[in-house]
Amino acid sequence: MSPIVTVQDVVTAFADWIEPTDAELDAIEQEMPAILADVDLIDAQIITLDRTPTEVDARRIRRAHRRVLTERRALANRTVGATLPGGAA
């Protein structure tokens, strides 16, 4: 009979001493408006799950969807001018 052993790398892959790099934090900060717009859209959709959407609900969802598209467009426009590390473009 062989003992059951966990793989140490898998167990410690998300240890609290592993921190994101400054570049990863900057990327998250740059994407934050798009992330928050997605959260608002999901919140608006969740509200209507257990009931028939009213006109106000439909407007809230449309507004949130337009904001998501606007933020994604803005993010895409910001990242087009960004250069990749190492000079690769």
PDB file of N, CA and C in Angstrom:
ATOM      1  N   MET A   1       0.840  -1.160   0.000  1.00  0.00           N
ATOM      2  CA  MET A   1       0.000   0.000   0.000  1.00  0.00           C
ATOM      3  C   MET A   1       0.894   1.235   0.000  1.00  0.00           C
ATOM      4  N   SER A   2       0.584   2.187  -0.910  1.00  0.00           N
ATOM      5  CA  SER A   2       1.399   3.394  -0.983  1.00  0.00           C
ATOM      6  C   SER A   2       0.697   4.526  -0.241  1.00  0.00           C
ATOM      7  N   PRO A   3       1.484   5.333   0.466  1.00  0.00           N
ATOM      8  CA  PRO A   3       0.873   6.438   1.215  1.00  0.00           C
ATOM      9  C   PRO A   3       0.373   7.538   0.270  1.00  0.00           C
ATOM     10  N   ILE A   4      -0.645   8.238   0.694  1.00  0.00           N
ATOM     11  CA  ILE A   4      -1.171   9.358  -0.075  1.00  0.00           C
ATOM     12  C   ILE A   4      -0.415  10.608   0.374  1.00  0.00           C
ATOM     13  N   VAL A   5       0.239  11.257  -0.572  1.00  0.00           N
ATOM     14  CA  VAL A   5       1.051  12.423  -0.264  1.00  0.00           C
ATOM     15  C   VAL A   5       0.587  13.575  -1.157  1.00  0.00           C
ATOM     16  N   THR A   6       0.468  14.750  -0.577  1.00  0.00           N
ATOM     17  CA  THR A   6       0.116  15.916  -1.387  1.00  0.00           C
ATOM     18  C   THR A   6       1.352  16.451  -2.085  1.00  0.00           C
ATOM     19  N   VAL A   7       1.142  17.090  -3.177  1.00  0.00           N
ATOM     20  CA  VAL A   7       2.232  17.712  -3.901  1.00  0.00           C
ATOM     21  C   VAL A   7       2.504  19.057  -3.248  1.00  0.00           C
ATOM     22  N   GLN A   8       3.709  19.245  -2.750  1.00  0.00           N
ATOM     23  CA  GLN A   8       4.041  20.435  -1.981  1.00  0.00           C
ATOM     24  C   GLN A   8       3.892  21.717  -2.792  1.00  0.00           C
ATOM     25  N   ASP A   9       4.261  21.686  -4.088  1.00  0.00           N
ATOM     26  CA  ASP A   9       4.159  22.897  -4.909  1.00  0.00           C
ATOM     27  C   ASP A   9       2.710  23.354  -5.049  1.00  0.00           C
ATOM     28  N   VAL A  10       1.811  22.412  -5.169  1.00  0.00           N
ATOM     29  CA  VAL A  10       0.405  22.765  -5.305  1.00  0.00           C
ATOM     30  C   VAL A  10      -0.121  23.355  -4.002  1.00  0.00           C
ATOM     31  N   VAL A  11       0.300  22.805  -2.896  1.00  0.00           N
ATOM     32  CA  VAL A  11      -0.170  23.280  -1.591  1.00  0.00           C
ATOM     33  C   VAL A  11       0.342  24.680  -1.302  1.00  0.00           C
ATOM     34  N   THR A  12       1.593  24.955  -1.629  1.00  0.00           N
ATOM     35  CA  THR A  12       2.185  26.251  -1.303  1.00  0.00           C
ATOM     36  C   THR A  12       2.140  27.242  -2.461  1.00  0.00           C
ATOM     37  N   ALA A  13       1.466  26.892  -3.558  1.00  0.00           N
ATOM     38  CA  ALA A  13       1.439  27.791  -4.716  1.00  0.00           C
ATOM     39  C   ALA A  13       0.766  29.110  -4.377  1.00  0.00           C
ATOM     40  N   PHE A  14      -0.175  29.104  -3.448  1.00  0.00           N
ATOM     41  CA  PHE A  14      -0.868  30.328  -3.090  1.00  0.00           C
ATOM     42  C   PHE A  14      -0.569  30.733  -1.659  1.00  0.00           C
ATOM     43  N   ALA A  15       0.658  30.534  -1.259  1.00  0.00           N
ATOM     44  CA  ALA A  15       1.066  30.915   0.088  1.00  0.00           C
ATOM     45  C   ALA A  15       1.026  32.432   0.227  1.00  0.00           C
ATOM     46  N   ASP A  16       0.825  32.906   1.444  1.00  0.00           N
ATOM     47  CA  ASP A  16       0.680  34.342   1.653  1.00  0.00           C
ATOM     48  C   ASP A  16       1.988  35.113   1.480  1.00  0.00           C
ATOM     49  N   TRP A  17       3.106  34.440   1.387  1.00  0.00           N
ATOM     50  CA  TRP A  17       4.369  35.148   1.197  1.00  0.00           C
ATOM     51  C   TRP A  17       4.649  35.440  -0.273  1.00  0.00           C
ATOM     52  N   ILE A  18       3.817  34.931  -1.163  1.00  0.00           N
ATOM     53  CA  ILE A  18       3.965  35.223  -2.585  1.00  0.00           C
ATOM     54  C   ILE A  18       3.124  36.463  -2.886  1.00  0.00           C
ATOM     55  N   GLU A  19       3.783  37.551  -3.208  1.00  0.00           N
ATOM     56  CA  GLU A  19       3.112  38.824  -3.448  1.00  0.00           C
ATOM     57  C   GLU A  19       3.128  39.153  -4.934  1.00  0.00           C
ATOM     58  N   PRO A  20       2.139  39.902  -5.416  1.00  0.00           N
ATOM     59  CA  PRO A  20       2.176  40.333  -6.812  1.00  0.00           C
ATOM     60  C   PRO A  20       3.288  41.361  -7.019  1.00  0.00           C
ATOM     61  N   THR A  21       3.819  41.372  -8.214  1.00  0.00           N
ATOM     62  CA  THR A  21       4.886  42.323  -8.529  1.00  0.00           C
ATOM     63  C   THR A  21       4.288  43.712  -8.738  1.00  0.00           C
ATOM     64  N   ASP A  22       5.162  44.712  -8.790  1.00  0.00           N
ATOM     65  CA  ASP A  22       4.696  46.077  -9.038  1.00  0.00           C
ATOM     66  C   ASP A  22       4.028  46.190 -10.406  1.00  0.00           C
ATOM     67  N   ALA A  23       4.553  45.472 -11.391  1.00  0.00           N
ATOM     68  CA  ALA A  23       3.961  45.507 -12.730  1.00  0.00           C
ATOM     69  C   ALA A  23       2.555  44.904 -12.721  1.00  0.00           C
ATOM     70  N   GLU A  24       2.366  43.818 -11.973  1.00  0.00           N
ATOM     71  CA  GLU A  24       1.039  43.210 -11.874  1.00  0.00           C
ATOM     72  C   GLU A  24       0.059  44.140 -11.161  1.00  0.00           C
ATOM     73  N   LEU A  25       0.515  44.803 -10.113  1.00  0.00           N
ATOM     74  CA  LEU A  25      -0.345  45.751  -9.408  1.00  0.00           C
ATOM     75  C   LEU A  25      -0.705  46.940 -10.293  1.00  0.00           C
ATOM     76  N   ASP A  26       0.254  47.411 -11.099  1.00  0.00           N
ATOM     77  CA  ASP A  26      -0.025  48.510 -12.026  1.00  0.00           C
ATOM     78  C   ASP A  26      -1.050  48.085 -13.083  1.00  0.00           C
ATOM     79  N   ALA A  27      -0.927  46.847 -13.574  1.00  0.00           N
ATOM     80  CA  ALA A  27      -1.886  46.349 -14.568  1.00  0.00           C
ATOM     81  C   ALA A  27      -3.285  46.248 -13.971  1.00  0.00           C
ATOM     82  N   ILE A  28      -3.381  45.790 -12.736  1.00  0.00           N
ATOM     83  CA  ILE A  28      -4.677  45.705 -12.058  1.00  0.00           C
ATOM     84  C   ILE A  28      -5.259  47.095 -11.873  1.00  0.00           C
ATOM     85  N   GLU A  29      -4.426  48.036 -11.465  1.00  0.00           N
ATOM     86  CA  GLU A  29      -4.888  49.415 -11.272  1.00  0.00           C
ATOM     87  C   GLU A  29      -5.395  50.018 -12.573  1.00  0.00           C
ATOM     88  N   GLN A  30      -4.712  49.700 -13.669  1.00  0.00           N
ATOM     89  CA  GLN A  30      -5.124  50.229 -14.964  1.00  0.00           C
ATOM     90  C   GLN A  30      -6.451  49.607 -15.412  1.00  0.00           C
ATOM     91  N   GLU A  31      -6.697  48.352 -15.077  1.00  0.00           N
ATOM     92  CA  GLU A  31      -7.921  47.661 -15.471  1.00  0.00           C
ATOM     93  C   GLU A  31      -9.071  47.867 -14.488  1.00  0.00           C
ATOM     94  N   MET A  32      -8.825  48.508 -13.359  1.00  0.00           N
ATOM     95  CA  MET A  32      -9.841  48.630 -12.317  1.00  0.00           C
ATOM     96  C   MET A  32     -11.149  49.281 -12.785  1.00  0.00           C
ATOM     97  N   PRO A  33     -11.138  50.363 -13.592  1.00  0.00           N
ATOM     98  CA  PRO A  33     -12.425  50.910 -14.048  1.00  0.00           C
ATOM     99  C   PRO A  33     -13.252  49.904 -14.836  1.00  0.00           C
ATOM    100  N   ALA A  34     -12.611  49.091 -15.667  1.00  0.00           N
ATOM    101  CA  ALA A  34     -13.337  48.073 -16.432  1.00  0.00           C
ATOM    102  C   ALA A  34     -13.855  46.967 -15.504  1.00  0.00           C
ATOM    103  N   ILE A  35     -13.074  46.611 -14.510  1.00  0.00           N
ATOM    104  CA  ILE A  35     -13.499  45.591 -13.550  1.00  0.00           C
ATOM    105  C   ILE A  35     -14.718  46.078 -12.768  1.00  0.00           C
ATOM    106  N   LEU A  36     -14.678  47.319 -12.307  1.00  0.00           N
ATOM    107  CA  LEU A  36     -15.801  47.867 -11.547  1.00  0.00           C
ATOM    108  C   LEU A  36     -17.052  48.009 -12.412  1.00  0.00           C
ATOM    109  N   ALA A  37     -16.883  48.339 -13.689  1.00  0.00           N
ATOM    110  CA  ALA A  37     -18.025  48.413 -14.595  1.00  0.00           C
ATOM    111  C   ALA A  37     -18.650  47.037 -14.777  1.00  0.00           C
ATOM    112  N   ASP A  38     -17.812  45.995 -14.889  1.00  0.00           N
ATOM    113  CA  ASP A  38     -18.328  44.628 -14.986  1.00  0.00           C
ATOM    114  C   ASP A  38     -19.098  44.244 -13.718  1.00  0.00           C
ATOM    115  N   VAL A  39     -18.580  44.632 -12.576  1.00  0.00           N
ATOM    116  CA  VAL A  39     -19.255  44.323 -11.306  1.00  0.00           C
ATOM    117  C   VAL A  39     -20.618  45.012 -11.251  1.00  0.00           C
ATOM    118  N   ASP A  40     -20.688  46.259 -11.694  1.00  0.00           N
ATOM    119  CA  ASP A  40     -21.970  46.973 -11.705  1.00  0.00           C
ATOM    120  C   ASP A  40     -22.975  46.297 -12.631  1.00  0.00           C
ATOM    121  N   LEU A  41     -22.511  45.825 -13.779  1.00  0.00           N
ATOM    122  CA  LEU A  41     -23.407  45.122 -14.702  1.00  0.00           C
ATOM    123  C   LEU A  41     -23.914  43.828 -14.084  1.00  0.00           C
ATOM    124  N   ILE A  42     -23.035  43.089 -13.463  1.00  0.00           N
ATOM    125  CA  ILE A  42     -23.445  41.836 -12.818  1.00  0.00           C
ATOM    126  C   ILE A  42     -24.423  42.114 -11.685  1.00  0.00           C
ATOM    127  N   ASP A  43     -24.175  43.156 -10.908  1.00  0.00           N
ATOM    128  CA  ASP A  43     -25.110  43.524  -9.835  1.00  0.00           C
ATOM    129  C   ASP A  43     -26.488  43.852 -10.399  1.00  0.00           C
ATOM    130  N   ALA A  44     -26.526  44.608 -11.495  1.00  0.00           N
ATOM    131  CA  ALA A  44     -27.808  44.967 -12.106  1.00  0.00           C
ATOM    132  C   ALA A  44     -28.529  43.725 -12.622  1.00  0.00           C
ATOM    133  N   GLN A  45     -27.779  42.763 -13.140  1.00  0.00           N
ATOM    134  CA  GLN A  45     -28.398  41.530 -13.633  1.00  0.00           C
ATOM    135  C   GLN A  45     -28.871  40.645 -12.484  1.00  0.00           C
ATOM    136  N   ILE A  46     -28.125  40.604 -11.403  1.00  0.00           N
ATOM    137  CA  ILE A  46     -28.505  39.776 -10.254  1.00  0.00           C
ATOM    138  C   ILE A  46     -29.814  40.274  -9.642  1.00  0.00           C
ATOM    139  N   ILE A  47     -30.007  41.576  -9.621  1.00  0.00           N
ATOM    140  CA  ILE A  47     -31.228  42.141  -9.047  1.00  0.00           C
ATOM    141  C   ILE A  47     -32.467  41.577  -9.740  1.00  0.00           C
ATOM    142  N   THR A  48     -32.360  41.311 -11.036  1.00  0.00           N
ATOM    143  CA  THR A  48     -33.530  40.877 -11.792  1.00  0.00           C
ATOM    144  C   THR A  48     -33.688  39.362 -11.862  1.00  0.00           C
ATOM    145  N   LEU A  49     -32.873  38.601 -11.172  1.00  0.00           N
ATOM    146  CA  LEU A  49     -32.953  37.146 -11.266  1.00  0.00           C
ATOM    147  C   LEU A  49     -34.256  36.567 -10.707  1.00  0.00           C
ATOM    148  N   ASP A  50     -34.740  37.125  -9.622  1.00  0.00           N
ATOM    149  CA  ASP A  50     -35.886  36.512  -8.962  1.00  0.00           C
ATOM    150  C   ASP A  50     -37.196  37.265  -9.197  1.00  0.00           C
ATOM    151  N   ARG A  51     -37.198  38.157 -10.178  1.00  0.00           N
ATOM    152  CA  ARG A  51     -38.428  38.887 -10.478  1.00  0.00           C
ATOM    153  C   ARG A  51     -38.425  39.322 -11.936  1.00  0.00           C
ATOM    154  N   THR A  52     -39.567  39.729 -12.404  1.00  0.00           N
ATOM    155  CA  THR A  52     -39.663  40.251 -13.753  1.00  0.00           C
ATOM    156  C   THR A  52     -39.043  41.652 -13.774  1.00  0.00           C
ATOM    157  N   PRO A  53     -38.110  41.906 -14.685  1.00  0.00           N
ATOM    158  CA  PRO A  53     -37.453  43.215 -14.712  1.00  0.00           C
ATOM    159  C   PRO A  53     -38.446  44.335 -15.021  1.00  0.00           C
ATOM    160  N   THR A  54     -38.370  45.397 -14.270  1.00  0.00           N
ATOM    161  CA  THR A  54     -39.173  46.584 -14.521  1.00  0.00           C
ATOM    162  C   THR A  54     -38.442  47.460 -15.523  1.00  0.00           C
ATOM    163  N   GLU A  55     -39.071  48.546 -15.925  1.00  0.00           N
ATOM    164  CA  GLU A  55     -38.433  49.478 -16.845  1.00  0.00           C
ATOM    165  C   GLU A  55     -37.184  50.092 -16.213  1.00  0.00           C
ATOM    166  N   VAL A  56     -37.242  50.348 -14.923  1.00  0.00           N
ATOM    167  CA  VAL A  56     -36.078  50.893 -14.215  1.00  0.00           C
ATOM    168  C   VAL A  56     -34.934  49.876 -14.222  1.00  0.00           C
ATOM    169  N   ASP A  57     -35.258  48.605 -14.004  1.00  0.00           N
ATOM    170  CA  ASP A  57     -34.231  47.561 -14.049  1.00  0.00           C
ATOM    171  C   ASP A  57     -33.602  47.480 -15.438  1.00  0.00           C
ATOM    172  N   ALA A  58     -34.443  47.533 -16.466  1.00  0.00           N
ATOM    173  CA  ALA A  58     -33.933  47.464 -17.841  1.00  0.00           C
ATOM    174  C   ALA A  58     -33.016  48.651 -18.133  1.00  0.00           C
ATOM    175  N   ARG A  59     -33.395  49.847 -17.663  1.00  0.00           N
ATOM    176  CA  ARG A  59     -32.534  51.021 -17.857  1.00  0.00           C
ATOM    177  C   ARG A  59     -31.221  50.872 -17.114  1.00  0.00           C
ATOM    178  N   ARG A  60     -31.277  50.317 -15.903  1.00  0.00           N
ATOM    179  CA  ARG A  60     -30.063  50.121 -15.107  1.00  0.00           C
ATOM    180  C   ARG A  60     -29.113  49.151 -15.815  1.00  0.00           C
ATOM    181  N   ILE A  61     -29.669  48.089 -16.384  1.00  0.00           N
ATOM    182  CA  ILE A  61     -28.838  47.108 -17.097  1.00  0.00           C
ATOM    183  C   ILE A  61     -28.247  47.730 -18.359  1.00  0.00           C
ATOM    184  N   ARG A  62     -29.066  48.469 -19.112  1.00  0.00           N
ATOM    185  CA  ARG A  62     -28.550  49.117 -20.324  1.00  0.00           C
ATOM    186  C   ARG A  62     -27.450  50.121 -19.993  1.00  0.00           C
ATOM    187  N   ARG A  63     -27.663  50.903 -18.943  1.00  0.00           N
ATOM    188  CA  ARG A  63     -26.666  51.891 -18.525  1.00  0.00           C
ATOM    189  C   ARG A  63     -25.362  51.194 -18.112  1.00  0.00           C
ATOM    190  N   ALA A  64     -25.487  50.121 -17.349  1.00  0.00           N
ATOM    191  CA  ALA A  64     -24.297  49.383 -16.906  1.00  0.00           C
ATOM    192  C   ALA A  64     -23.589  48.749 -18.099  1.00  0.00           C
ATOM    193  N   HIS A  65     -24.358  48.242 -19.054  1.00  0.00           N
ATOM    194  CA  HIS A  65     -23.751  47.622 -20.237  1.00  0.00           C
ATOM    195  C   HIS A  65     -23.004  48.669 -21.061  1.00  0.00           C
ATOM    196  N   ARG A  66     -23.594  49.851 -21.225  1.00  0.00           N
ATOM    197  CA  ARG A  66     -22.896  50.921 -21.946  1.00  0.00           C
ATOM    198  C   ARG A  66     -21.620  51.331 -21.226  1.00  0.00           C
ATOM    199  N   ARG A  67     -21.661  51.361 -19.903  1.00  0.00           N
ATOM    200  CA  ARG A  67     -20.459  51.720 -19.142  1.00  0.00           C
ATOM    201  C   ARG A  67     -19.362  50.669 -19.326  1.00  0.00           C
ATOM    202  N   VAL A  68     -19.759  49.385 -19.349  1.00  0.00           N
ATOM    203  CA  VAL A  68     -18.780  48.320 -19.582  1.00  0.00           C
ATOM    204  C   VAL A  68     -18.111  48.509 -20.940  1.00  0.00           C
ATOM    205  N   LEU A  69     -18.910  48.760 -21.962  1.00  0.00           N
ATOM    206  CA  LEU A  69     -18.347  48.949 -23.297  1.00  0.00           C
ATOM    207  C   LEU A  69     -17.437  50.172 -23.353  1.00  0.00           C
ATOM    208  N   THR A  70     -17.835  51.247 -22.698  1.00  0.00           N
ATOM    209  CA  THR A  70     -17.017  52.463 -22.670  1.00  0.00           C
ATOM    210  C   THR A  70     -15.681  52.218 -21.972  1.00  0.00           C
ATOM    211  N   GLU A  71     -15.731  51.547 -20.829  1.00  0.00           N
ATOM    212  CA  GLU A  71     -14.495  51.285 -20.084  1.00  0.00           C
ATOM    213  C   GLU A  71     -13.580  50.319 -20.822  1.00  0.00           C
ATOM    214  N   ARG A  72     -14.163  49.319 -21.485  1.00  0.00           N
ATOM    215  CA  ARG A  72     -13.325  48.381 -22.255  1.00  0.00           C
ATOM    216  C   ARG A  72     -12.671  49.082 -23.437  1.00  0.00           C
ATOM    217  N   ARG A  73     -13.430  49.986 -24.084  1.00  0.00           N
ATOM    218  CA  ARG A  73     -12.856  50.748 -25.185  1.00  0.00           C
ATOM    219  C   ARG A  73     -11.708  51.626 -24.684  1.00  0.00           C
ATOM    220  N   ALA A  74     -11.939  52.301 -23.559  1.00  0.00           N
ATOM    221  CA  ALA A  74     -10.899  53.155 -22.985  1.00  0.00           C
ATOM    222  C   ALA A  74      -9.666  52.335 -22.606  1.00  0.00           C
ATOM    223  N   LEU A  75      -9.881  51.162 -22.040  1.00  0.00           N
ATOM    224  CA  LEU A  75      -8.754  50.293 -21.675  1.00  0.00           C
ATOM    225  C   LEU A  75      -7.989  49.850 -22.916  1.00  0.00           C
ATOM    226  N   ALA A  76      -8.718  49.479 -23.961  1.00  0.00           N
ATOM    227  CA  ALA A  76      -8.059  49.055 -25.199  1.00  0.00           C
ATOM    228  C   ALA A  76      -7.253  50.201 -25.793  1.00  0.00           C
ATOM    229  N   ASN A  77      -7.801  51.407 -25.746  1.00  0.00           N
ATOM    230  CA  ASN A  77      -7.073  52.559 -26.279  1.00  0.00           C
ATOM    231  C   ASN A  77      -5.836  52.886 -25.454  1.00  0.00           C
ATOM    232  N   ARG A  78      -5.914  52.686 -24.138  1.00  0.00           N
ATOM    233  CA  ARG A  78      -4.744  52.938 -23.283  1.00  0.00           C
ATOM    234  C   ARG A  78      -3.666  51.902 -23.518  1.00  0.00           C
ATOM    235  N   THR A  79      -4.035  50.654 -23.742  1.00  0.00           N
ATOM    236  CA  THR A  79      -3.033  49.589 -23.877  1.00  0.00           C
ATOM    237  C   THR A  79      -2.434  49.520 -25.270  1.00  0.00           C
ATOM    238  N   VAL A  80      -3.064  50.164 -26.272  1.00  0.00           N
ATOM    239  CA  VAL A  80      -2.492  50.161 -27.610  1.00  0.00           C
ATOM    240  C   VAL A  80      -1.162  50.879 -27.651  1.00  0.00           C
ATOM    241  N   GLY A  81      -1.053  51.978 -26.922  1.00  0.00           N
ATOM    242  CA  GLY A  81       0.179  52.750 -26.910  1.00  0.00           C
ATOM    243  C   GLY A  81       1.247  52.203 -25.985  1.00  0.00           C
ATOM    244  N   ALA A  82       0.890  51.218 -25.159  1.00  0.00           N
ATOM    245  CA  ALA A  82       1.851  50.666 -24.208  1.00  0.00           C
ATOM    246  C   ALA A  82       2.845  49.771 -24.946  1.00  0.00           C
ATOM    247  N   THR A  83       4.082  49.808 -24.492  1.00  0.00           N
ATOM    248  CA  THR A  83       5.115  48.949 -25.091  1.00  0.00           C
ATOM    249  C   THR A  83       5.279  47.713 -24.235  1.00  0.00           C
ATOM    250  N   LEU A  84       5.647  46.640 -24.871  1.00  0.00           N
ATOM    251  CA  LEU A  84       5.874  45.393 -24.165  1.00  0.00           C
ATOM    252  C   LEU A  84       7.300  45.348 -23.643  1.00  0.00           C
ATOM    253  N   PRO A  85       7.531  44.662 -22.516  1.00  0.00           N
ATOM    254  CA  PRO A  85       8.889  44.571 -21.988  1.00  0.00           C
ATOM    255  C   PRO A  85       9.810  43.857 -22.970  1.00  0.00           C
ATOM    256  N   GLY A  86      11.020  44.301 -23.037  1.00  0.00           N
ATOM    257  CA  GLY A  86      11.994  43.668 -23.912  1.00  0.00           C
ATOM    258  C   GLY A  86      11.995  44.247 -25.305  1.00  0.00           C
ATOM    259  N   GLY A  87      11.168  45.251 -25.555  1.00  0.00           N
ATOM    260  CA  GLY A  87      11.141  45.873 -26.860  1.00  0.00           C
ATOM    261  C   GLY A  87      10.289  45.148 -27.883  1.00  0.00           C
ATOM    262  N   ALA A  88       9.644  44.060 -27.500  1.00  0.00           N
ATOM    263  CA  ALA A  88       8.794  43.341 -28.448  1.00  0.00           C
ATOM    264  C   ALA A  88       7.511  44.133 -28.634  1.00  0.00           C
ATOM    265  N   ALA A  89       7.087  44.255 -29.865  1.00  0.00           N
ATOM    266  CA  ALA A  89       5.849  45.008 -30.111  1.00  0.00           C
ATOM    267  C   ALA A  89       4.927  44.245 -31.018  1.00  0.00           C
TER     268      ALA A  89
END
